[in-house]
Amino acid sequence: MHDDPEVREARQRWLNGGSALCVVELMASRGAKNEAVAVARLALAKPNCVDAAELRDVLSKLASPPAGWEESLARFAELPSRDAWRELMRFVPPDHAYLRLRDAIGRLRALGVDGDMIFRCASEFGMTPDLIELVEQGCVAVKTLVERAAHSGGAKTTYLGLAAEAAFLAGDMLGTVRLLRESIAHENEWCSADPHLIFIRERAAPAQTDLLNRAGITRP
């Protein structure tokens, strides 16, 4: 994709204030579905996105939803549960699983499904940027993340780090410090606490930064 002159030109037009729709459609047409989804979601995150409806339509098509997908999600939203989620995702083809998962998360949020329920269900299939965003918007409780960390194996650092972010957003600095320490203690070659430390430090008030420093949490 980086070497495709047409995509490169369209991306530059978008970065200069143009539409992202052309970039997304070009990437999708060349089989770079994940990259197309990433650009579309970046564009949709901006206020007053002029092509919002068209970009959402492209996102939906990229997820290759089967007939009745919207109706199935609406039924789930009326009575959400882990069993209902597993049934919903049961026959998703492996090569469509990631994009279908992201599509489901976005649609369920729009349908007003509780953030904790979405996170509990969707995180069984792995972490996605949408789930991280759900946490960083204050929609997931610390308890939910700690519970998930207990069953996450080598990814415990990530879930405990997200729990620290949730505690910080809730104004619980003592909980934030404790969870950051636990996240750091479980670091490995695949998972680092640094993204969570950065999230918190970038938003911390001077008194909160001082508390982190006194607790010895000084990196990165």
C-alpha atoms as a PDB file:
ATOM      1  CA  MET A   1       0.000   0.000   0.000  1.00  0.00           C
ATOM      2  CA  HIS A   2       2.802   2.429   0.843  1.00  0.00           C
ATOM      3  CA  ASP A   3       4.277   1.960  -2.641  1.00  0.00           C
ATOM      4  CA  ASP A   4       0.985   2.382  -4.502  1.00  0.00           C
ATOM      5  CA  PRO A   5       1.155   5.861  -6.084  1.00  0.00           C
ATOM      6  CA  GLU A   6      -2.625   6.183  -6.418  1.00  0.00           C
ATOM      7  CA  VAL A   7      -3.209   5.339  -2.769  1.00  0.00           C
ATOM      8  CA  ARG A   8      -0.337   7.587  -1.711  1.00  0.00           C
ATOM      9  CA  GLU A   9      -1.791  10.503  -3.660  1.00  0.00           C
ATOM     10  CA  ALA A  10      -5.298   9.940  -2.267  1.00  0.00           C
ATOM     11  CA  ARG A  11      -3.903   9.713   1.269  1.00  0.00           C
ATOM     12  CA  GLN A  12      -2.058  12.985   0.828  1.00  0.00           C
ATOM     13  CA  ARG A  13      -5.239  14.696  -0.382  1.00  0.00           C
ATOM     14  CA  TRP A  14      -7.022  13.394   2.712  1.00  0.00           C
ATOM     15  CA  LEU A  15      -4.239  14.606   5.027  1.00  0.00           C
ATOM     16  CA  ASN A  16      -4.468  18.004   3.345  1.00  0.00           C
ATOM     17  CA  GLY A  17      -8.117  18.277   4.319  1.00  0.00           C
ATOM     18  CA  GLY A  18      -9.820  16.238   1.627  1.00  0.00           C
ATOM     19  CA  SER A  19     -12.080  13.200   1.905  1.00  0.00           C
ATOM     20  CA  ALA A  20     -10.940   9.885   3.335  1.00  0.00           C
ATOM     21  CA  LEU A  21     -13.521   7.982   1.304  1.00  0.00           C
ATOM     22  CA  CYS A  22     -11.310   7.681  -1.786  1.00  0.00           C
ATOM     23  CA  VAL A  23      -8.420   6.327   0.312  1.00  0.00           C
ATOM     24  CA  VAL A  24     -10.648   3.764   1.980  1.00  0.00           C
ATOM     25  CA  GLU A  25     -12.214   2.608  -1.289  1.00  0.00           C
ATOM     26  CA  LEU A  26      -8.816   2.307  -3.013  1.00  0.00           C
ATOM     27  CA  MET A  27      -7.338   0.291  -0.151  1.00  0.00           C
ATOM     28  CA  ALA A  28     -10.379  -1.963  -0.024  1.00  0.00           C
ATOM     29  CA  SER A  29     -10.263  -2.532  -3.793  1.00  0.00           C
ATOM     30  CA  ARG A  30      -6.650  -3.679  -3.467  1.00  0.00           C
ATOM     31  CA  GLY A  31      -7.456  -6.158  -0.711  1.00  0.00           C
ATOM     32  CA  ALA A  32      -5.988  -4.109   2.149  1.00  0.00           C
ATOM     33  CA  LYS A  33      -9.153  -4.373   4.228  1.00  0.00           C
ATOM     34  CA  ASN A  34      -7.610  -3.853   7.667  1.00  0.00           C
ATOM     35  CA  GLU A  35      -5.783  -0.735   6.478  1.00  0.00           C
ATOM     36  CA  ALA A  36      -9.009   0.566   4.905  1.00  0.00           C
ATOM     37  CA  VAL A  37     -10.860   0.039   8.179  1.00  0.00           C
ATOM     38  CA  ALA A  38      -8.146   1.873  10.134  1.00  0.00           C
ATOM     39  CA  VAL A  39      -8.328   4.921   7.847  1.00  0.00           C
ATOM     40  CA  ALA A  40     -12.139   4.939   7.898  1.00  0.00           C
ATOM     41  CA  ARG A  41     -12.246   4.861  11.679  1.00  0.00           C
ATOM     42  CA  LEU A  42      -9.666   7.633  11.959  1.00  0.00           C
ATOM     43  CA  ALA A  43     -11.782   9.772   9.668  1.00  0.00           C
ATOM     44  CA  LEU A  44     -15.001   8.972  11.535  1.00  0.00           C
ATOM     45  CA  ALA A  45     -13.375   9.921  14.846  1.00  0.00           C
ATOM     46  CA  LYS A  46     -13.025  13.514  13.647  1.00  0.00           C
ATOM     47  CA  PRO A  47     -15.887  15.940  14.336  1.00  0.00           C
ATOM     48  CA  ASN A  48     -18.196  16.712  11.407  1.00  0.00           C
ATOM     49  CA  CYS A  49     -16.825  13.993   9.130  1.00  0.00           C
ATOM     50  CA  VAL A  50     -18.375  14.916   5.767  1.00  0.00           C
ATOM     51  CA  ASP A  51     -18.418  11.342   4.425  1.00  0.00           C
ATOM     52  CA  ALA A  52     -19.564   9.665   7.639  1.00  0.00           C
ATOM     53  CA  ALA A  53     -22.539   7.835   6.139  1.00  0.00           C
ATOM     54  CA  GLU A  54     -20.545   6.574   3.153  1.00  0.00           C
ATOM     55  CA  LEU A  55     -17.617   5.487   5.340  1.00  0.00           C
ATOM     56  CA  ARG A  56     -19.915   3.557   7.690  1.00  0.00           C
ATOM     57  CA  ASP A  57     -21.453   1.855   4.668  1.00  0.00           C
ATOM     58  CA  VAL A  58     -17.990   0.822   3.446  1.00  0.00           C
ATOM     59  CA  LEU A  59     -17.081  -0.462   6.914  1.00  0.00           C
ATOM     60  CA  SER A  60     -20.193  -2.575   6.988  1.00  0.00           C
ATOM     61  CA  LYS A  61     -19.472  -4.077   3.565  1.00  0.00           C
ATOM     62  CA  LEU A  62     -15.850  -4.832   4.490  1.00  0.00           C
ATOM     63  CA  ALA A  63     -17.095  -6.929   7.408  1.00  0.00           C
ATOM     64  CA  SER A  64     -18.925  -9.141   4.865  1.00  0.00           C
ATOM     65  CA  PRO A  65     -22.068  -9.406   7.030  1.00  0.00           C
ATOM     66  CA  PRO A  66     -24.440 -12.287   6.244  1.00  0.00           C
ATOM     67  CA  ALA A  67     -28.141 -11.795   5.571  1.00  0.00           C
ATOM     68  CA  GLY A  68     -29.928 -10.909   8.798  1.00  0.00           C
ATOM     69  CA  TRP A  69     -26.776  -9.611  10.558  1.00  0.00           C
ATOM     70  CA  GLU A  70     -28.364  -6.337  11.644  1.00  0.00           C
ATOM     71  CA  GLU A  71     -31.430  -8.143  12.953  1.00  0.00           C
ATOM     72  CA  SER A  72     -29.234 -10.575  14.897  1.00  0.00           C
ATOM     73  CA  LEU A  73     -27.341  -7.708  16.503  1.00  0.00           C
ATOM     74  CA  ALA A  74     -30.616  -5.973  17.377  1.00  0.00           C
ATOM     75  CA  ARG A  75     -31.873  -9.145  19.091  1.00  0.00           C
ATOM     76  CA  PHE A  76     -28.600  -9.428  21.001  1.00  0.00           C
ATOM     77  CA  ALA A  77     -28.900  -5.781  22.091  1.00  0.00           C
ATOM     78  CA  GLU A  78     -32.344  -6.480  23.548  1.00  0.00           C
ATOM     79  CA  LEU A  79     -31.081  -9.339  25.731  1.00  0.00           C
ATOM     80  CA  PRO A  80     -27.267  -9.383  25.782  1.00  0.00           C
ATOM     81  CA  SER A  81     -25.349 -12.244  27.381  1.00  0.00           C
ATOM     82  CA  ARG A  82     -22.144 -14.167  26.817  1.00  0.00           C
ATOM     83  CA  ASP A  83     -24.060 -17.180  25.551  1.00  0.00           C
ATOM     84  CA  ALA A  84     -25.961 -15.004  23.085  1.00  0.00           C
ATOM     85  CA  TRP A  85     -22.675 -13.461  21.940  1.00  0.00           C
ATOM     86  CA  ARG A  86     -21.057 -16.840  21.344  1.00  0.00           C
ATOM     87  CA  GLU A  87     -24.064 -17.905  19.316  1.00  0.00           C
ATOM     88  CA  LEU A  88     -23.922 -14.659  17.336  1.00  0.00           C
ATOM     89  CA  MET A  89     -20.258 -15.196  16.410  1.00  0.00           C
ATOM     90  CA  ARG A  90     -20.396 -18.979  16.183  1.00  0.00           C
ATOM     91  CA  PHE A  91     -20.341 -19.387  12.405  1.00  0.00           C
ATOM     92  CA  VAL A  92     -18.234 -16.378  11.422  1.00  0.00           C
ATOM     93  CA  PRO A  93     -15.585 -17.529   8.879  1.00  0.00           C
ATOM     94  CA  PRO A  94     -12.063 -17.153  10.318  1.00  0.00           C
ATOM     95  CA  ASP A  95     -10.966 -14.791   7.542  1.00  0.00           C
ATOM     96  CA  HIS A  96     -13.875 -12.449   8.363  1.00  0.00           C
ATOM     97  CA  ALA A  97     -13.667 -12.720  12.153  1.00  0.00           C
ATOM     98  CA  TYR A  98     -11.587  -9.602  12.901  1.00  0.00           C
ATOM     99  CA  LEU A  99     -13.590  -7.192  10.757  1.00  0.00           C
ATOM    100  CA  ARG A 100     -16.914  -8.759  11.762  1.00  0.00           C
ATOM    101  CA  LEU A 101     -15.935  -8.357  15.416  1.00  0.00           C
ATOM    102  CA  ARG A 102     -15.105  -4.685  14.932  1.00  0.00           C
ATOM    103  CA  ASP A 103     -18.335  -4.133  13.023  1.00  0.00           C
ATOM    104  CA  ALA A 104     -20.326  -5.779  15.809  1.00  0.00           C
ATOM    105  CA  ILE A 105     -18.695  -3.636  18.503  1.00  0.00           C
ATOM    106  CA  GLY A 106     -19.477  -0.423  16.631  1.00  0.00           C
ATOM    107  CA  ARG A 107     -23.067  -1.404  15.919  1.00  0.00           C
ATOM    108  CA  LEU A 108     -23.738  -2.561  19.478  1.00  0.00           C
ATOM    109  CA  ARG A 109     -22.390   0.710  20.843  1.00  0.00           C
ATOM    110  CA  ALA A 110     -24.769   2.553  18.530  1.00  0.00           C
ATOM    111  CA  LEU A 111     -27.605   0.352  19.815  1.00  0.00           C
ATOM    112  CA  GLY A 112     -26.816   1.425  23.371  1.00  0.00           C
ATOM    113  CA  VAL A 113     -25.475  -1.862  24.727  1.00  0.00           C
ATOM    114  CA  ASP A 114     -23.631  -1.407  28.033  1.00  0.00           C
ATOM    115  CA  GLY A 115     -19.870  -0.976  27.639  1.00  0.00           C
ATOM    116  CA  ASP A 116     -19.069  -3.611  30.256  1.00  0.00           C
ATOM    117  CA  MET A 117     -21.204  -6.175  28.449  1.00  0.00           C
ATOM    118  CA  ILE A 118     -19.598  -5.393  25.087  1.00  0.00           C
ATOM    119  CA  PHE A 119     -16.120  -5.672  26.588  1.00  0.00           C
ATOM    120  CA  ARG A 120     -16.844  -8.924  28.433  1.00  0.00           C
ATOM    121  CA  CYS A 121     -18.195 -10.542  25.298  1.00  0.00           C
ATOM    122  CA  ALA A 122     -15.945  -9.155  22.567  1.00  0.00           C
ATOM    123  CA  SER A 123     -12.660  -9.490  24.475  1.00  0.00           C
ATOM    124  CA  GLU A 124     -13.097 -13.276  24.456  1.00  0.00           C
ATOM    125  CA  PHE A 125     -11.996 -13.074  20.808  1.00  0.00           C
ATOM    126  CA  GLY A 126      -9.009 -10.823  21.541  1.00  0.00           C
ATOM    127  CA  MET A 127      -8.260  -7.124  21.861  1.00  0.00           C
ATOM    128  CA  THR A 128      -9.189  -4.611  19.175  1.00  0.00           C
ATOM    129  CA  PRO A 129      -8.711  -0.826  18.958  1.00  0.00           C
ATOM    130  CA  ASP A 130     -12.472  -0.454  19.461  1.00  0.00           C
ATOM    131  CA  LEU A 131     -12.292  -2.144  22.867  1.00  0.00           C
ATOM    132  CA  ILE A 132      -9.367   0.023  23.939  1.00  0.00           C
ATOM    133  CA  GLU A 133     -11.349   3.075  22.838  1.00  0.00           C
ATOM    134  CA  LEU A 134     -14.304   1.835  24.893  1.00  0.00           C
ATOM    135  CA  VAL A 135     -12.087   1.778  27.987  1.00  0.00           C
ATOM    136  CA  GLU A 136     -10.461   5.134  27.269  1.00  0.00           C
ATOM    137  CA  GLN A 137     -13.857   6.774  26.904  1.00  0.00           C
ATOM    138  CA  GLY A 138     -14.736   5.654  30.432  1.00  0.00           C
ATOM    139  CA  CYS A 139     -17.289   3.046  29.354  1.00  0.00           C
ATOM    140  CA  VAL A 140     -15.751  -0.010  31.068  1.00  0.00           C
ATOM    141  CA  ALA A 141     -15.531  -0.555  34.825  1.00  0.00           C
ATOM    142  CA  VAL A 142     -12.289  -1.389  36.620  1.00  0.00           C
ATOM    143  CA  LYS A 143     -13.862  -4.587  37.969  1.00  0.00           C
ATOM    144  CA  THR A 144     -14.644  -5.830  34.446  1.00  0.00           C
ATOM    145  CA  LEU A 145     -11.042  -5.320  33.348  1.00  0.00           C
ATOM    146  CA  VAL A 146      -9.531  -6.921  36.448  1.00  0.00           C
ATOM    147  CA  GLU A 147     -11.800  -9.943  35.961  1.00  0.00           C
ATOM    148  CA  ARG A 148     -10.682 -10.205  32.334  1.00  0.00           C
ATOM    149  CA  ALA A 149      -7.016  -9.904  33.370  1.00  0.00           C
ATOM    150  CA  ALA A 150      -7.391 -12.935  35.627  1.00  0.00           C
ATOM    151  CA  HIS A 151      -8.076 -15.101  32.554  1.00  0.00           C
ATOM    152  CA  SER A 152      -5.777 -13.437  30.039  1.00  0.00           C
ATOM    153  CA  GLY A 153      -2.551 -15.420  30.383  1.00  0.00           C
ATOM    154  CA  GLY A 154       0.363 -13.528  28.841  1.00  0.00           C
ATOM    155  CA  ALA A 155      -1.805 -10.477  28.109  1.00  0.00           C
ATOM    156  CA  LYS A 156      -2.350  -9.706  31.796  1.00  0.00           C
ATOM    157  CA  THR A 157      -0.157  -6.591  31.555  1.00  0.00           C
ATOM    158  CA  THR A 158      -2.481  -5.113  28.933  1.00  0.00           C
ATOM    159  CA  TYR A 159      -5.714  -5.755  30.807  1.00  0.00           C
ATOM    160  CA  LEU A 160      -4.310  -4.544  34.125  1.00  0.00           C
ATOM    161  CA  GLY A 161      -2.945  -1.462  32.341  1.00  0.00           C
ATOM    162  CA  LEU A 162      -6.398  -0.781  30.908  1.00  0.00           C
ATOM    163  CA  ALA A 163      -7.849  -1.262  34.400  1.00  0.00           C
ATOM    164  CA  ALA A 164      -5.395   1.384  35.641  1.00  0.00           C
ATOM    165  CA  GLU A 165      -6.648   3.737  32.920  1.00  0.00           C
ATOM    166  CA  ALA A 166     -10.245   3.078  33.985  1.00  0.00           C
ATOM    167  CA  ALA A 167      -9.352   3.751  37.627  1.00  0.00           C
ATOM    168  CA  PHE A 168      -7.648   6.989  36.612  1.00  0.00           C
ATOM    169  CA  LEU A 169     -10.673   8.122  34.617  1.00  0.00           C
ATOM    170  CA  ALA A 170     -12.848   7.345  37.637  1.00  0.00           C
ATOM    171  CA  GLY A 171     -10.652   9.546  39.840  1.00  0.00           C
ATOM    172  CA  ASP A 172      -9.197   6.671  41.888  1.00  0.00           C
ATOM    173  CA  MET A 173      -5.471   7.472  42.004  1.00  0.00           C
ATOM    174  CA  LEU A 174      -4.621   4.891  44.652  1.00  0.00           C
ATOM    175  CA  GLY A 175      -6.245   2.239  42.479  1.00  0.00           C
ATOM    176  CA  THR A 176      -4.406   3.637  39.483  1.00  0.00           C
ATOM    177  CA  VAL A 177      -1.033   3.276  41.196  1.00  0.00           C
ATOM    178  CA  ARG A 178      -1.793  -0.235  42.432  1.00  0.00           C
ATOM    179  CA  LEU A 179      -2.948  -1.440  39.016  1.00  0.00           C
ATOM    180  CA  LEU A 180      -0.016   0.168  37.213  1.00  0.00           C
ATOM    181  CA  ARG A 181       2.364  -1.637  39.547  1.00  0.00           C
ATOM    182  CA  GLU A 182       0.589  -4.940  38.826  1.00  0.00           C
ATOM    183  CA  SER A 183       0.673  -4.247  35.091  1.00  0.00           C
ATOM    184  CA  ILE A 184       4.415  -3.536  35.194  1.00  0.00           C
ATOM    185  CA  ALA A 185       5.011  -6.663  37.274  1.00  0.00           C
ATOM    186  CA  HIS A 186       3.482  -8.842  34.540  1.00  0.00           C
ATOM    187  CA  GLU A 187       5.333  -7.325  31.564  1.00  0.00           C
ATOM    188  CA  ASN A 188       6.821  -9.700  29.027  1.00  0.00           C
ATOM    189  CA  GLU A 189       8.352  -9.551  25.568  1.00  0.00           C
ATOM    190  CA  TRP A 190       4.903  -9.172  23.969  1.00  0.00           C
ATOM    191  CA  CYS A 191       3.138  -6.809  26.384  1.00  0.00           C
ATOM    192  CA  SER A 192       4.328  -3.539  27.921  1.00  0.00           C
ATOM    193  CA  ALA A 193       2.694  -1.227  30.452  1.00  0.00           C
ATOM    194  CA  ASP A 194       4.068   1.826  28.617  1.00  0.00           C
ATOM    195  CA  PRO A 195       0.931   2.650  26.547  1.00  0.00           C
ATOM    196  CA  HIS A 196      -1.102   2.818  29.753  1.00  0.00           C
ATOM    197  CA  LEU A 197       1.521   4.854  31.584  1.00  0.00           C
ATOM    198  CA  ILE A 198       1.574   7.301  28.684  1.00  0.00           C
ATOM    199  CA  PHE A 199      -2.233   7.569  28.622  1.00  0.00           C
ATOM    200  CA  ILE A 200      -2.326   8.396  32.329  1.00  0.00           C
ATOM    201  CA  ARG A 201       0.690  10.711  32.461  1.00  0.00           C
ATOM    202  CA  GLU A 202      -0.531  12.750  29.491  1.00  0.00           C
ATOM    203  CA  ARG A 203      -3.789  13.464  31.336  1.00  0.00           C
ATOM    204  CA  ALA A 204      -2.537  13.681  34.909  1.00  0.00           C
ATOM    205  CA  ALA A 205      -2.764  16.921  36.881  1.00  0.00           C
ATOM    206  CA  PRO A 206       0.421  18.079  38.651  1.00  0.00           C
ATOM    207  CA  ALA A 207      -0.689  16.545  41.962  1.00  0.00           C
ATOM    208  CA  GLN A 208      -1.440  13.240  40.250  1.00  0.00           C
ATOM    209  CA  THR A 209       1.914  13.256  38.471  1.00  0.00           C
ATOM    210  CA  ASP A 210       3.612  13.903  41.800  1.00  0.00           C
ATOM    211  CA  LEU A 211       1.819  10.911  43.320  1.00  0.00           C
ATOM    212  CA  LEU A 212       2.972   8.689  40.450  1.00  0.00           C
ATOM    213  CA  ASN A 213       6.553   9.905  40.906  1.00  0.00           C
ATOM    214  CA  ARG A 214       6.489   9.317  44.653  1.00  0.00           C
ATOM    215  CA  ALA A 215       5.155   5.835  43.995  1.00  0.00           C
ATOM    216  CA  GLY A 216       8.188   5.186  41.784  1.00  0.00           C
ATOM    217  CA  ILE A 217       6.179   5.034  38.568  1.00  0.00           C
ATOM    218  CA  THR A 218       8.343   7.415  36.597  1.00  0.00           C
ATOM    219  CA  ARG A 219       8.605   5.855  33.119  1.00  0.00           C
ATOM    220  CA  PRO A 220       8.278   6.285  30.240  1.00  0.00           C
END
